[in-house]
C-alpha atoms as a PDB file:
ATOM      1  CA  UNK A   1      -0.227   0.097  -0.358  1.00  0.00           C
ATOM      2  CA  UNK A   2       1.348   3.541  -0.992  1.00  0.00           C
ATOM      3  CA  UNK A   3       2.213   6.246   1.752  1.00  0.00           C
ATOM      4  CA  UNK A   4      -0.821   7.967  -0.028  1.00  0.00           C
ATOM      5  CA  UNK A   5      -3.063   5.558   0.168  1.00  0.00           C
ATOM      6  CA  UNK A   6      -2.130   5.099   4.186  1.00  0.00           C
ATOM      7  CA  UNK A   7      -2.767   8.575   4.396  1.00  0.00           C
ATOM      8  CA  UNK A   8      -6.201   9.149   2.924  1.00  0.00           C
ATOM      9  CA  UNK A   9      -7.298   6.280   4.974  1.00  0.00           C
ATOM     10  CA  UNK A  10      -5.422   7.746   7.518  1.00  0.00           C
ATOM     11  CA  UNK A  11      -7.296  11.347   7.202  1.00  0.00           C
ATOM     12  CA  UNK A  12     -10.850  10.178   7.392  1.00  0.00           C
ATOM     13  CA  UNK A  13     -10.509   6.729   9.783  1.00  0.00           C
ATOM     14  CA  UNK A  14      -9.978   5.765  13.407  1.00  0.00           C
ATOM     15  CA  UNK A  15      -7.785   4.179  15.889  1.00  0.00           C
ATOM     16  CA  UNK A  16      -7.509   1.061  13.529  1.00  0.00           C
ATOM     17  CA  UNK A  17      -5.545   3.881  10.669  1.00  0.00           C
ATOM     18  CA  UNK A  18      -3.280   5.471  14.071  1.00  0.00           C
ATOM     19  CA  UNK A  19      -2.738   1.638  14.955  1.00  0.00           C
ATOM     20  CA  UNK A  20      -1.144   0.969  11.875  1.00  0.00           C
ATOM     21  CA  UNK A  21       0.522   4.257  11.141  1.00  0.00           C
ATOM     22  CA  UNK A  22       2.717   4.113  15.002  1.00  0.00           C
ATOM     23  CA  UNK A  23       3.954   0.631  13.219  1.00  0.00           C
ATOM     24  CA  UNK A  24       4.701   1.928  10.059  1.00  0.00           C
ATOM     25  CA  UNK A  25       6.411   5.228  11.643  1.00  0.00           C
ATOM     26  CA  UNK A  26       6.926   4.674  15.200  1.00  0.00           C
ATOM     27  CA  UNK A  27      10.523   3.276  14.910  1.00  0.00           C
ATOM     28  CA  UNK A  28      11.855   5.893  12.331  1.00  0.00           C
ATOM     29  CA  UNK A  29      10.385   8.797  14.117  1.00  0.00           C
ATOM     30  CA  UNK A  30      11.914   7.597  17.405  1.00  0.00           C
ATOM     31  CA  UNK A  31      15.373   7.317  15.432  1.00  0.00           C
ATOM     32  CA  UNK A  32      14.885  10.853  13.790  1.00  0.00           C
ATOM     33  CA  UNK A  33      13.879  12.776  17.054  1.00  0.00           C
ATOM     34  CA  UNK A  34      16.479  10.796  18.843  1.00  0.00           C
ATOM     35  CA  UNK A  35      19.501  12.147  16.624  1.00  0.00           C
ATOM     36  CA  UNK A  36      17.708  15.621  16.999  1.00  0.00           C
ATOM     37  CA  UNK A  37      17.585  15.925  20.554  1.00  0.00           C
ATOM     38  CA  UNK A  38      20.137  13.815  21.144  1.00  0.00           C
ATOM     39  CA  UNK A  39      18.164  12.052  23.918  1.00  0.00           C
ATOM     40  CA  UNK A  40      16.068   8.749  24.000  1.00  0.00           C
ATOM     41  CA  UNK A  41      13.598   9.539  26.407  1.00  0.00           C
ATOM     42  CA  UNK A  42      13.108  13.086  25.149  1.00  0.00           C
ATOM     43  CA  UNK A  43      12.175  11.336  21.727  1.00  0.00           C
ATOM     44  CA  UNK A  44       9.510   9.287  23.105  1.00  0.00           C
ATOM     45  CA  UNK A  45       7.869  12.104  24.320  1.00  0.00           C
ATOM     46  CA  UNK A  46       8.299  13.766  21.261  1.00  0.00           C
ATOM     47  CA  UNK A  47       6.796  10.900  19.150  1.00  0.00           C
ATOM     48  CA  UNK A  48       4.245   9.954  21.379  1.00  0.00           C
ATOM     49  CA  UNK A  49       3.229  13.963  21.270  1.00  0.00           C
ATOM     50  CA  UNK A  50       3.656  14.096  17.437  1.00  0.00           C
ATOM     51  CA  UNK A  51       1.091  10.758  16.816  1.00  0.00           C
ATOM     52  CA  UNK A  52      -1.276  12.447  19.430  1.00  0.00           C
ATOM     53  CA  UNK A  53      -0.991  15.829  17.434  1.00  0.00           C
ATOM     54  CA  UNK A  54      -1.554  13.638  14.187  1.00  0.00           C
ATOM     55  CA  UNK A  55      -4.329  12.003  15.481  1.00  0.00           C
ATOM     56  CA  UNK A  56      -5.963  15.029  16.768  1.00  0.00           C
ATOM     57  CA  UNK A  57      -5.367  17.012  13.065  1.00  0.00           C
ATOM     58  CA  UNK A  58      -6.061  13.881  10.772  1.00  0.00           C
ATOM     59  CA  UNK A  59      -9.016  16.045   9.484  1.00  0.00           C
ATOM     60  CA  UNK A  60      -7.004  18.819   8.336  1.00  0.00           C
ATOM     61  CA  UNK A  61      -4.228  16.614   6.809  1.00  0.00           C
ATOM     62  CA  UNK A  62      -4.791  16.465   2.587  1.00  0.00           C
ATOM     63  CA  UNK A  63      -3.817  13.066   2.718  1.00  0.00           C
ATOM     64  CA  UNK A  64      -0.804  13.377   0.188  1.00  0.00           C
ATOM     65  CA  UNK A  65       2.346  12.491   1.922  1.00  0.00           C
ATOM     66  CA  UNK A  66       2.063  11.014   5.168  1.00  0.00           C
ATOM     67  CA  UNK A  67       5.106  10.706   6.087  1.00  0.00           C
ATOM     68  CA  UNK A  68       6.771  13.896   5.057  1.00  0.00           C
ATOM     69  CA  UNK A  69       3.672  15.259   7.203  1.00  0.00           C
ATOM     70  CA  UNK A  70       4.504  13.107  10.687  1.00  0.00           C
ATOM     71  CA  UNK A  71       8.238  14.074   9.477  1.00  0.00           C
ATOM     72  CA  UNK A  72       7.471  17.669   9.360  1.00  0.00           C
ATOM     73  CA  UNK A  73       5.454  17.569  13.013  1.00  0.00           C
ATOM     74  CA  UNK A  74       8.418  15.634  14.477  1.00  0.00           C
ATOM     75  CA  UNK A  75      10.845  17.880  13.531  1.00  0.00           C
ATOM     76  CA  UNK A  76       8.598  21.316  15.009  1.00  0.00           C
ATOM     77  CA  UNK A  77       8.220  19.387  17.922  1.00  0.00           C
ATOM     78  CA  UNK A  78      11.835  18.700  18.180  1.00  0.00           C
ATOM     79  CA  UNK A  79      12.941  22.226  17.549  1.00  0.00           C
ATOM     80  CA  UNK A  80      10.444  23.421  20.192  1.00  0.00           C
ATOM     81  CA  UNK A  81      11.947  20.963  22.940  1.00  0.00           C
ATOM     82  CA  UNK A  82      15.765  22.211  21.991  1.00  0.00           C
ATOM     83  CA  UNK A  83      14.288  25.463  22.619  1.00  0.00           C
ATOM     84  CA  UNK A  84      12.797  25.109  25.793  1.00  0.00           C
ATOM     85  CA  UNK A  85      15.999  23.178  27.197  1.00  0.00           C
ATOM     86  CA  UNK A  86      18.775  24.822  29.210  1.00  0.00           C
ATOM     87  CA  UNK A  87      22.552  24.815  28.347  1.00  0.00           C
ATOM     88  CA  UNK A  88      23.411  21.575  30.560  1.00  0.00           C
ATOM     89  CA  UNK A  89      26.874  21.471  31.969  1.00  0.00           C
ATOM     90  CA  UNK A  90      29.162  19.479  29.848  1.00  0.00           C
ATOM     91  CA  UNK A  91      29.545  15.546  32.041  1.00  0.00           C
ATOM     92  CA  UNK A  92      25.358  15.479  31.716  1.00  0.00           C
ATOM     93  CA  UNK A  93      26.064  15.462  27.976  1.00  0.00           C
ATOM     94  CA  UNK A  94      28.232  13.150  28.122  1.00  0.00           C
ATOM     95  CA  UNK A  95      26.640  11.260  30.417  1.00  0.00           C
ATOM     96  CA  UNK A  96      23.167  11.552  27.730  1.00  0.00           C
ATOM     97  CA  UNK A  97      25.108  11.315  24.424  1.00  0.00           C
ATOM     98  CA  UNK A  98      26.659   8.075  25.865  1.00  0.00           C
ATOM     99  CA  UNK A  99      23.141   6.594  26.901  1.00  0.00           C
ATOM    100  CA  UNK A 100      21.396   7.507  24.065  1.00  0.00           C
ATOM    101  CA  UNK A 101      24.268   6.194  21.823  1.00  0.00           C
ATOM    102  CA  UNK A 102      23.455   3.119  22.744  1.00  0.00           C
ATOM    103  CA  UNK A 103      19.804   3.223  22.977  1.00  0.00           C
ATOM    104  CA  UNK A 104      19.600   4.211  18.628  1.00  0.00           C
ATOM    105  CA  UNK A 105      22.527   1.969  17.879  1.00  0.00           C
ATOM    106  CA  UNK A 106      24.760   4.974  16.637  1.00  0.00           C
ATOM    107  CA  UNK A 107      28.610   4.876  17.715  1.00  0.00           C
ATOM    108  CA  UNK A 108      29.466   7.304  20.227  1.00  0.00           C
ATOM    109  CA  UNK A 109      31.495   9.640  18.218  1.00  0.00           C
ATOM    110  CA  UNK A 110      29.340  10.098  15.365  1.00  0.00           C
ATOM    111  CA  UNK A 111      26.536  11.291  18.426  1.00  0.00           C
ATOM    112  CA  UNK A 112      28.659  13.795  19.638  1.00  0.00           C
ATOM    113  CA  UNK A 113      29.502  15.041  16.475  1.00  0.00           C
ATOM    114  CA  UNK A 114      25.832  15.377  15.727  1.00  0.00           C
ATOM    115  CA  UNK A 115      25.260  17.141  18.782  1.00  0.00           C
ATOM    116  CA  UNK A 116      27.659  19.923  17.575  1.00  0.00           C
ATOM    117  CA  UNK A 117      25.584  20.407  14.372  1.00  0.00           C
ATOM    118  CA  UNK A 118      22.547  22.914  14.042  1.00  0.00           C
ATOM    119  CA  UNK A 119      19.535  20.698  14.554  1.00  0.00           C
ATOM    120  CA  UNK A 120      18.597  21.355  11.123  1.00  0.00           C
ATOM    121  CA  UNK A 121      21.643  20.330   9.921  1.00  0.00           C
ATOM    122  CA  UNK A 122      21.434  16.828  12.290  1.00  0.00           C
ATOM    123  CA  UNK A 123      17.942  16.719  10.401  1.00  0.00           C
ATOM    124  CA  UNK A 124      19.349  16.315   6.747  1.00  0.00           C
ATOM    125  CA  UNK A 125      21.825  14.521   7.798  1.00  0.00           C
ATOM    126  CA  UNK A 126      19.783  12.143   9.290  1.00  0.00           C
ATOM    127  CA  UNK A 127      17.002  12.312   6.798  1.00  0.00           C
ATOM    128  CA  UNK A 128      19.244  11.392   3.439  1.00  0.00           C
ATOM    129  CA  UNK A 129      21.827   9.026   4.994  1.00  0.00           C
ATOM    130  CA  UNK A 130      19.542   6.810   7.830  1.00  0.00           C
ATOM    131  CA  UNK A 131      16.659   7.145   6.104  1.00  0.00           C
ATOM    132  CA  UNK A 132      17.600   8.300   2.841  1.00  0.00           C
ATOM    133  CA  UNK A 133      15.368  10.750   1.585  1.00  0.00           C
ATOM    134  CA  UNK A 134      15.225  12.484  -1.682  1.00  0.00           C
ATOM    135  CA  UNK A 135      15.826  15.961  -1.587  1.00  0.00           C
ATOM    136  CA  UNK A 136      12.311  16.664  -2.795  1.00  0.00           C
ATOM    137  CA  UNK A 137      10.894  14.697   0.243  1.00  0.00           C
ATOM    138  CA  UNK A 138      13.159  16.755   2.417  1.00  0.00           C
ATOM    139  CA  UNK A 139      11.776  19.668   0.577  1.00  0.00           C
ATOM    140  CA  UNK A 140       8.697  19.091   2.176  1.00  0.00           C
ATOM    141  CA  UNK A 141       9.379  18.712   5.464  1.00  0.00           C
ATOM    142  CA  UNK A 142      11.558  21.952   5.269  1.00  0.00           C
ATOM    143  CA  UNK A 143       9.687  24.187   2.786  1.00  0.00           C
ATOM    144  CA  UNK A 144      12.761  24.575   0.639  1.00  0.00           C
ATOM    145  CA  UNK A 145      13.765  24.083  -2.704  1.00  0.00           C
ATOM    146  CA  UNK A 146      15.589  20.329  -3.202  1.00  0.00           C
ATOM    147  CA  UNK A 147      18.176  22.345  -4.511  1.00  0.00           C
ATOM    148  CA  UNK A 148      18.949  24.473  -1.747  1.00  0.00           C
ATOM    149  CA  UNK A 149      18.615  21.316   1.042  1.00  0.00           C
ATOM    150  CA  UNK A 150      21.249  19.756  -1.019  1.00  0.00           C
ATOM    151  CA  UNK A 151      23.748  22.711  -0.449  1.00  0.00           C
ATOM    152  CA  UNK A 152      22.615  22.720   2.912  1.00  0.00           C
ATOM    153  CA  UNK A 153      23.339  19.062   3.138  1.00  0.00           C
ATOM    154  CA  UNK A 154      26.869  19.208   1.549  1.00  0.00           C
ATOM    155  CA  UNK A 155      28.228  21.635   4.227  1.00  0.00           C
ATOM    156  CA  UNK A 156      26.316  19.531   6.673  1.00  0.00           C
ATOM    157  CA  UNK A 157      27.930  16.386   6.073  1.00  0.00           C
ATOM    158  CA  UNK A 158      31.351  18.325   4.985  1.00  0.00           C
ATOM    159  CA  UNK A 159      31.283  20.097   9.050  1.00  0.00           C
ATOM    160  CA  UNK A 160      30.471  16.490  10.234  1.00  0.00           C
ATOM    161  CA  UNK A 161      33.703  15.040   8.294  1.00  0.00           C
ATOM    162  CA  UNK A 162      35.465  17.658  10.175  1.00  0.00           C
ATOM    163  CA  UNK A 163      34.419  17.333  13.963  1.00  0.00           C
ATOM    164  CA  UNK A 164      34.871  13.821  13.323  1.00  0.00           C
ATOM    165  CA  UNK A 165      38.377  13.877  11.980  1.00  0.00           C
ATOM    166  CA  UNK A 166      39.405  16.317  14.428  1.00  0.00           C
ATOM    167  CA  UNK A 167      38.544  14.202  17.101  1.00  0.00           C
ATOM    168  CA  UNK A 168      35.754  16.503  18.415  1.00  0.00           C
ATOM    169  CA  UNK A 169      34.424  13.260  20.784  1.00  0.00           C
ATOM    170  CA  UNK A 170      33.927  14.205  24.248  1.00  0.00           C
ATOM    171  CA  UNK A 171      34.526  17.891  23.542  1.00  0.00           C
ATOM    172  CA  UNK A 172      32.023  20.606  25.063  1.00  0.00           C
ATOM    173  CA  UNK A 173      29.470  21.368  22.626  1.00  0.00           C
ATOM    174  CA  UNK A 174      27.768  24.704  22.560  1.00  0.00           C
ATOM    175  CA  UNK A 175      25.144  23.493  20.033  1.00  0.00           C
ATOM    176  CA  UNK A 176      21.834  22.216  21.303  1.00  0.00           C
END
């Protein structure tokens, strides 16, 4: 069944349809939110909020691209969560990153380097590499042209590679 068919059924459906999209997208959105927030527990909260919000506003959904719609809600909820955070001390950040890395199956080094990126850069990297999303799909999420996102992705990838090769693992991060 296509993403569009599932989306149309969800837009007019009930509890069975929300259960279906939770089964289809729950793990993917949880990994995405975890990379965005660098915190597994906060990501779990965000994903729960996403599905609740999606269910409550399903009547306004156009039924066209359910995946992009859910990722966009997750992205915005994650950004809101990041804005509410206060600055952490380094030891708290490091402990948080190490436990989160185990939860989502990424290495400590990669997660620490990802944490140094801006949230939008993390979302682009994750969408392209981990989810294999096209620039057209990402354009729906970010409201930017595919060409713009391609350039931003290349810059973010270069920045991430720099962090990884320069050994920023374990260094204090001032990005949240």
